[in-house]
Amino acid sequence: MWPIGLPGAEEAPLGGRVAEVGHVALQLRSDRNRSAELPSTVDLTAVPGLVAAHDPRRDFEPERLETGLRIQSVDPTSDLGVRAEQFVYEVYRTSGFCAESPRRHVEETDPWRPGSTLHVVTDDASDDRIVGVVRTILGRLGDLPTAAHVPGIAPGHTERRVCEIGSLAVHASQRGLGVANELHRAAFLAGFRAGVRGFCFLVEQWMVEFFSDVYGLPVHPLAPARHYMGGDVVPVAMWLPEMLDVIAVSRPAVYAWAVEDLEESLHRRLHLPTGTT
């Protein structure tokens, strides 16, 4: 599984499944008190990102990173990167997402570890204790982990270069959504700056609709759900410039949050049609 989020609040962050150190029982927003209001299947024919005339969530603002926490982007082989890999492993083992590894690595990610980037949130007040991690992997869609869940996409298939987002882990001490949100924002910025044409990732079924409803994101399912690493996941993608064009209208605060650190020239270029310079 490539879990990418945190539950436990009225407005959840970008992702479906939470992996928290110190929590043996995995809690999902898709069951118990939320089960009655969330879909159990994905409608592959639905058009994502449509803006309702009177959307009560139009002014939704993502929670920010707390003071004293900072984010860095590092190579997995760096000192902080090695610690981050072990942090992800401990979180995933606690949550039952991966098998035991003598290397203290999530072995399912190993083929894509070289060349990937880890975005790591640390706590300055606690000797740079790691409190959150996410991984980005750049490449052609057919060469990334998501492709294994999409029938008909073989290695090397499609020249569309995208950014895969995965390996999210957040420490149990972080009860708010700021860490998970900032990790996703760092992943988006990494993709924007690399010139990708979109983002791909694996989410649980109910998150496809939730992405659109809360964050206004035009999330496109690429195939039906399949069981993987402890749960049923859907391979999804968001394409540029559609992603930014949609949220600029439907979620202006989310849009401003996503692009606030971008250089102005890159910001403008991201809204151009694919193939335009």
Protein backbone atom coordinates (compact mmCIF):
# COMPACT_ATOMS: atom_id res chain seq x y z
CA MET A 1 0.00 0.00 0.00
CA TRP A 2 1.03 3.59 -0.59
CA PRO A 3 -1.06 5.26 2.11
CA ILE A 4 -1.19 9.02 1.78
CA GLY A 5 -3.22 10.61 4.50
CA LEU A 6 -4.52 11.08 8.01
CA PRO A 7 -8.06 10.57 9.33
CA GLY A 8 -9.67 11.69 12.51
CA ALA A 9 -10.83 15.22 11.67
CA GLU A 10 -13.83 16.78 9.97
CA GLU A 11 -11.76 17.76 6.94
CA ALA A 12 -9.31 14.97 6.12
CA PRO A 13 -6.05 15.58 4.26
CA LEU A 14 -5.07 14.27 0.87
CA GLY A 15 -5.27 10.53 1.33
CA GLY A 16 -7.18 7.61 2.60
CA ARG A 17 -5.27 5.52 5.07
CA VAL A 18 -3.38 6.49 8.18
CA ALA A 19 -0.20 4.89 9.44
CA GLU A 20 0.70 6.14 12.91
CA VAL A 21 3.52 5.10 15.25
CA GLY A 22 2.10 3.81 18.51
CA HIS A 23 -1.29 2.85 17.12
CA VAL A 24 -1.78 -0.89 16.71
CA ALA A 25 -5.34 -0.60 15.43
CA LEU A 26 -5.63 1.05 12.03
CA GLN A 27 -8.55 3.44 11.81
CA LEU A 28 -10.10 4.23 8.44
CA ARG A 29 -12.53 7.00 7.68
CA SER A 30 -14.19 4.58 5.29
CA ASP A 31 -15.64 2.40 8.06
CA ARG A 32 -17.52 2.72 11.34
CA ASN A 33 -19.00 6.21 11.73
CA ARG A 34 -18.28 7.22 8.10
CA SER A 35 -19.41 4.08 6.33
CA ALA A 36 -22.97 5.24 5.71
CA GLU A 37 -21.97 8.42 3.86
CA LEU A 38 -19.01 7.22 1.78
CA PRO A 39 -19.22 5.20 -1.44
CA SER A 40 -18.19 1.55 -1.45
CA THR A 41 -17.41 1.54 -5.18
CA VAL A 42 -15.87 3.90 -7.68
CA ASP A 43 -17.88 5.28 -10.59
CA LEU A 44 -15.36 5.22 -13.42
CA THR A 45 -17.74 7.18 -15.67
CA ALA A 46 -18.13 10.17 -13.35
CA VAL A 47 -16.58 13.44 -14.43
CA PRO A 48 -14.31 14.68 -11.59
CA GLY A 49 -13.75 18.25 -10.56
CA LEU A 50 -17.15 19.67 -11.48
CA VAL A 51 -17.96 22.86 -9.56
CA ALA A 52 -21.37 23.08 -7.90
CA ALA A 53 -23.19 26.39 -8.17
CA HIS A 54 -23.25 26.86 -4.39
CA ASP A 55 -20.40 24.73 -3.07
CA PRO A 56 -20.21 25.12 0.72
CA ARG A 57 -16.56 24.03 0.67
CA ARG A 58 -15.39 26.63 -1.87
CA ASP A 59 -13.56 28.58 0.86
CA PHE A 60 -11.97 25.49 2.43
CA GLU A 61 -8.37 26.14 3.54
CA PRO A 62 -5.87 23.33 4.19
CA GLU A 63 -4.36 23.27 7.68
CA ARG A 64 -0.78 24.57 7.79
CA LEU A 65 2.39 23.16 9.33
CA GLU A 66 2.81 24.01 13.01
CA THR A 67 5.50 26.41 14.18
CA GLY A 68 8.68 24.53 15.07
CA LEU A 69 8.24 21.93 12.34
CA ARG A 70 10.13 22.15 9.05
CA ILE A 71 10.26 20.15 5.85
CA GLN A 72 13.32 19.06 3.85
CA SER A 73 13.70 17.14 0.59
CA VAL A 74 16.48 14.56 0.69
CA ASP A 75 17.96 11.57 -1.13
CA PRO A 76 17.03 8.22 0.47
CA THR A 77 20.75 7.41 0.86
CA SER A 78 21.51 10.55 2.90
CA ASP A 79 21.70 10.35 6.69
CA LEU A 80 18.25 11.88 7.07
CA GLY A 81 16.97 9.77 4.18
CA VAL A 82 18.09 6.54 5.86
CA ARG A 83 16.35 7.59 9.06
CA ALA A 84 13.24 8.49 7.08
CA GLU A 85 13.14 5.08 5.36
CA GLN A 86 13.31 3.41 8.77
CA PHE A 87 10.59 5.72 10.09
CA VAL A 88 8.28 4.74 7.23
CA TYR A 89 9.03 1.06 7.87
CA GLU A 90 8.21 1.31 11.60
CA VAL A 91 4.97 3.14 10.86
CA TYR A 92 3.94 0.60 8.23
CA ARG A 93 4.83 -2.40 10.40
CA THR A 94 2.80 -0.97 13.30
CA SER A 95 -0.17 -0.52 10.99
CA GLY A 96 0.18 -3.93 9.31
CA PHE A 97 0.98 -2.58 5.84
CA CYS A 98 4.21 -4.49 5.20
CA ALA A 99 6.11 -7.63 6.12
CA GLU A 100 9.05 -7.69 8.52
CA SER A 101 12.36 -6.70 6.94
CA PRO A 102 15.83 -7.15 8.47
CA ARG A 103 16.84 -3.97 6.65
CA ARG A 104 13.95 -2.04 8.23
CA HIS A 105 12.74 -1.05 4.78
CA VAL A 106 9.33 -1.36 3.16
CA GLU A 107 10.49 -3.87 0.56
CA GLU A 108 7.64 -3.13 -1.86
CA THR A 109 9.19 0.29 -2.52
CA ASP A 110 12.72 -1.03 -3.11
CA PRO A 111 12.67 -1.11 -6.95
CA TRP A 112 11.83 2.60 -7.04
CA ARG A 113 14.00 3.80 -4.13
CA PRO A 114 17.00 4.80 -6.31
CA GLY A 115 16.24 8.16 -7.87
CA SER A 116 13.24 8.87 -5.63
CA THR A 117 13.07 11.83 -3.22
CA LEU A 118 11.92 11.76 0.38
CA HIS A 119 10.21 14.83 1.80
CA VAL A 120 10.71 14.79 5.56
CA VAL A 121 9.09 16.87 8.30
CA THR A 122 11.19 17.20 11.48
CA ASP A 123 10.62 18.79 14.86
CA ASP A 124 13.29 21.37 15.69
CA ALA A 125 12.37 21.29 19.37
CA SER A 126 13.02 17.54 19.62
CA ASP A 127 16.48 17.16 18.06
CA ASP A 128 15.10 16.89 14.52
CA ARG A 129 12.79 14.01 15.40
CA ILE A 130 11.01 12.83 12.25
CA VAL A 131 7.25 13.30 12.37
CA GLY A 132 6.28 12.78 8.74
CA VAL A 133 7.56 11.45 5.40
CA VAL A 134 6.35 11.17 1.82
CA ARG A 135 8.12 9.92 -1.32
CA THR A 136 8.01 11.27 -4.85
CA ILE A 137 9.09 9.27 -7.89
CA LEU A 138 9.42 10.87 -11.33
CA GLY A 139 9.09 8.91 -14.53
CA ARG A 140 6.88 7.67 -17.32
CA LEU A 141 3.56 6.40 -16.06
CA GLY A 142 4.26 2.86 -17.26
CA ASP A 143 7.44 2.68 -15.17
CA LEU A 144 5.94 3.74 -11.85
CA PRO A 145 4.28 1.65 -9.09
CA THR A 146 0.76 2.76 -10.00
CA ALA A 147 1.12 1.17 -13.45
CA ALA A 148 1.07 -2.32 -11.91
CA HIS A 149 -2.57 -1.67 -10.99
CA VAL A 150 -3.66 -0.49 -14.44
CA PRO A 151 -4.28 -3.25 -17.03
CA GLY A 152 -2.71 -2.53 -20.39
CA ILE A 153 0.06 -0.25 -19.15
CA ALA A 154 3.38 -2.00 -19.70
CA PRO A 155 6.83 -0.74 -18.62
CA GLY A 156 7.88 2.10 -20.84
CA HIS A 157 4.29 2.68 -21.95
CA THR A 158 3.31 6.31 -22.66
CA GLU A 159 5.73 9.19 -22.84
CA ARG A 160 3.66 11.13 -20.31
CA ARG A 161 6.09 11.96 -17.49
CA VAL A 162 4.37 12.08 -14.14
CA CYS A 163 5.12 12.26 -10.42
CA GLU A 164 4.04 9.37 -8.22
CA ILE A 165 3.23 10.22 -4.59
CA GLY A 166 3.55 7.48 -1.99
CA SER A 167 5.10 6.13 1.22
CA LEU A 168 3.26 8.62 3.42
CA ALA A 169 3.79 8.11 7.14
CA VAL A 170 2.87 10.49 9.95
CA HIS A 171 3.74 10.16 13.64
CA ALA A 172 0.86 9.56 16.05
CA SER A 173 1.76 12.72 17.98
CA GLN A 174 0.62 14.83 15.02
CA ARG A 175 -3.13 14.96 15.62
CA GLY A 176 -3.83 17.77 13.20
CA LEU A 177 -3.62 17.73 9.43
CA GLY A 178 -0.76 20.17 8.97
CA VAL A 179 2.00 17.58 8.51
CA ALA A 180 0.10 15.46 5.98
CA ASN A 181 -0.97 18.56 4.06
CA GLU A 182 2.57 19.97 3.93
CA LEU A 183 3.96 16.65 2.74
CA HIS A 184 1.49 16.63 -0.14
CA ARG A 185 2.24 20.26 -0.94
CA ALA A 186 5.97 19.42 -1.13
CA ALA A 187 5.15 16.54 -3.48
CA PHE A 188 3.10 18.82 -5.72
CA LEU A 189 5.88 21.43 -5.82
CA ALA A 190 8.44 18.75 -6.68
CA GLY A 191 6.29 17.65 -9.61
CA PHE A 192 5.58 21.19 -10.80
CA ARG A 193 9.28 22.07 -10.80
CA ALA A 194 10.19 18.86 -12.60
CA GLY A 195 7.82 19.71 -15.43
CA VAL A 196 5.60 16.65 -15.04
CA ARG A 197 2.27 16.37 -16.84
CA GLY A 198 0.43 15.01 -13.84
CA PHE A 199 0.45 13.05 -10.59
CA CYS A 200 -0.46 9.44 -9.85
CA PHE A 201 -1.00 7.50 -6.64
CA LEU A 202 -3.00 4.72 -4.99
CA VAL A 203 -5.94 5.54 -2.73
CA GLU A 204 -8.80 3.70 -1.11
CA GLN A 205 -12.06 3.73 -3.01
CA TRP A 206 -13.92 6.30 -0.93
CA MET A 207 -11.11 8.83 -1.36
CA VAL A 208 -11.77 9.29 -5.08
CA GLU A 209 -14.97 11.17 -4.31
CA PHE A 210 -13.52 12.76 -1.20
CA PHE A 211 -10.62 14.33 -3.13
CA SER A 212 -13.12 16.08 -5.36
CA ASP A 213 -15.61 17.01 -2.65
CA VAL A 214 -13.20 18.52 -0.09
CA TYR A 215 -10.10 19.64 -2.00
CA GLY A 216 -11.80 20.18 -5.34
CA LEU A 217 -9.19 18.06 -7.11
CA PRO A 218 -10.05 16.45 -10.48
CA VAL A 219 -9.01 12.89 -9.64
CA HIS A 220 -9.34 10.37 -12.47
CA PRO A 221 -9.54 6.65 -11.59
CA LEU A 222 -7.40 4.64 -14.02
CA ALA A 223 -8.83 1.20 -13.18
CA PRO A 224 -11.18 -0.51 -10.71
CA ALA A 225 -9.97 -1.25 -7.19
CA ARG A 226 -7.78 -4.24 -6.39
CA HIS A 227 -6.42 -5.66 -3.12
CA TYR A 228 -2.87 -4.59 -2.28
CA MET A 229 -0.92 -4.51 0.99
CA GLY A 230 -3.86 -4.89 3.32
CA GLY A 231 -6.62 -3.02 1.53
CA ASP A 232 -8.48 -2.30 -1.70
CA VAL A 233 -6.88 0.55 -3.62
CA VAL A 234 -7.71 2.50 -6.78
CA PRO A 235 -4.97 3.78 -9.10
CA VAL A 236 -5.72 7.44 -9.84
CA ALA A 237 -4.19 10.37 -11.68
CA MET A 238 -4.52 14.14 -11.87
CA TRP A 239 -3.39 15.86 -15.06
CA LEU A 240 -1.96 19.30 -15.67
CA PRO A 241 -3.06 21.94 -16.40
CA GLU A 242 -6.56 20.63 -15.54
CA MET A 243 -5.66 20.14 -11.86
CA LEU A 244 -4.72 23.79 -11.31
CA ASP A 245 -7.37 25.22 -13.62
CA VAL A 246 -10.11 23.40 -11.68
CA ILE A 247 -9.01 24.24 -8.13
CA ALA A 248 -8.28 27.88 -9.07
CA VAL A 249 -12.06 28.19 -9.53
CA SER A 250 -13.50 25.60 -7.16
CA ARG A 251 -11.05 25.95 -4.21
CA PRO A 252 -9.14 29.25 -4.48
CA ALA A 253 -7.55 28.85 -1.04
CA VAL A 254 -6.35 25.34 -1.91
CA TYR A 255 -4.96 26.70 -5.17
CA ALA A 256 -3.09 29.51 -3.40
CA TRP A 257 -1.70 27.02 -0.86
CA ALA A 258 -0.49 24.66 -3.61
CA VAL A 259 1.39 27.25 -5.67
CA GLU A 260 2.46 29.89 -3.14
CA ASP A 261 6.18 29.00 -3.31
CA LEU A 262 6.40 28.69 -7.09
CA GLU A 263 8.43 31.06 -9.21
CA GLU A 264 6.11 33.39 -11.14
CA SER A 265 7.29 32.22 -14.56
CA LEU A 266 6.70 28.57 -13.66
CA HIS A 267 3.35 29.45 -12.13
CA ARG A 268 2.17 30.94 -15.43
CA ARG A 269 3.56 28.06 -17.49
CA LEU A 270 1.68 25.45 -15.45
CA HIS A 271 -1.63 26.80 -16.76
CA LEU A 272 -0.62 26.52 -20.41
CA PRO A 273 -2.03 23.64 -22.49
CA THR A 274 0.19 20.56 -22.69
CA GLY A 275 2.94 21.01 -25.26
CA THR A 276 2.93 24.81 -25.02
CA THR A 277 6.09 26.63 -23.92
